[in-house]
Structure formats: C-alpha cells, structure tokens
C-alpha cells in the first residue's frame, strides 16, 4: 500500500499535501492519528463535540 495522501480543497483549487507524521485520512473520510498526536487530537475533537452540542443524553 502506498503512502496515504490527503487533499485539501482551497480557493486556489485542489492542493495535494503530505502528512509529516503517521496521521492520515482514509478514502472513506475517516482519520487515523499517530501515537504522537492521538491523545491531543482526541481531546480536541471531544471538546468540539461538547462545544457544538452534538450529543444528547440517552438514559437506558
């Protein structure tokens, strides 16, 4: 399998960029984080989920 690539759409057009670590985006839109960034990015994502109020409490 080749090195994972990530495309970023910008006003200038489609720019190809390269990850400088082990993080990557899968072809179906999911992100996989390397050991170095995993905990930090998980905390960032969780705080955004809370801030954007994207969940609701479901009681069993």
Protein backbone atom coordinates (compact mmCIF):
# COMPACT_ATOMS: atom_id res chain seq x y z
CA UNK A 1 0.00 0.00 0.00
CA UNK A 2 1.35 3.44 -0.90
CA UNK A 3 1.81 6.40 1.41
CA UNK A 4 -1.57 7.89 2.42
CA UNK A 5 -2.36 11.28 0.84
CA UNK A 6 -4.74 14.00 1.92
CA UNK A 7 -6.27 16.53 -0.45
CA UNK A 8 -7.36 19.92 0.80
CA UNK A 9 -9.79 21.98 -1.23
CA UNK A 10 -8.88 25.66 -1.20
CA UNK A 11 -9.91 28.79 -3.09
CA UNK A 12 -6.91 28.25 -5.35
CA UNK A 13 -8.07 24.74 -6.19
CA UNK A 14 -7.24 21.23 -5.06
CA UNK A 15 -3.87 21.21 -3.29
CA UNK A 16 -2.07 17.97 -2.54
CA UNK A 17 -0.40 17.97 0.84
CA UNK A 18 1.61 15.36 2.68
CA UNK A 19 1.33 14.38 6.34
CA UNK A 20 4.62 14.85 8.25
CA UNK A 21 3.74 12.15 10.79
CA UNK A 22 1.78 8.90 10.94
CA UNK A 23 -1.67 10.56 10.84
CA UNK A 24 -3.77 10.06 7.72
CA UNK A 25 -7.27 10.25 6.28
CA UNK A 26 -8.85 7.15 4.79
CA UNK A 27 -10.53 7.15 1.40
CA UNK A 28 -13.94 6.96 3.09
CA UNK A 29 -13.30 10.14 5.12
CA UNK A 30 -12.13 8.79 8.48
CA UNK A 31 -9.00 10.00 10.25
CA UNK A 32 -6.35 7.82 11.89
CA UNK A 33 -3.94 9.56 14.24
CA UNK A 34 -0.38 8.52 15.02
CA UNK A 35 0.73 7.73 18.58
CA UNK A 36 2.32 11.16 18.91
CA UNK A 37 -0.92 13.09 18.17
CA UNK A 38 -3.63 10.61 19.18
CA UNK A 39 -4.44 11.82 22.72
CA UNK A 40 -4.17 15.53 21.88
CA UNK A 41 -6.45 15.24 18.86
CA UNK A 42 -8.96 13.08 20.73
CA UNK A 43 -9.21 15.78 23.43
CA UNK A 44 -9.60 18.48 20.78
CA UNK A 45 -12.36 16.56 18.99
CA UNK A 46 -14.18 15.80 22.26
CA UNK A 47 -14.10 19.45 23.31
CA UNK A 48 -15.52 20.49 19.94
CA UNK A 49 -18.30 17.91 20.21
CA UNK A 50 -19.19 19.34 23.62
CA UNK A 51 -18.95 22.95 22.44
CA UNK A 52 -21.08 22.31 19.35
CA UNK A 53 -23.64 20.43 21.45
CA UNK A 54 -23.62 17.48 19.05
CA UNK A 55 -24.84 14.88 21.55
CA UNK A 56 -27.74 14.32 23.87
CA UNK A 57 -28.06 12.20 26.99
CA UNK A 58 -29.86 8.91 26.45
CA UNK A 59 -30.94 7.03 29.55
CA UNK A 60 -31.49 3.29 29.43
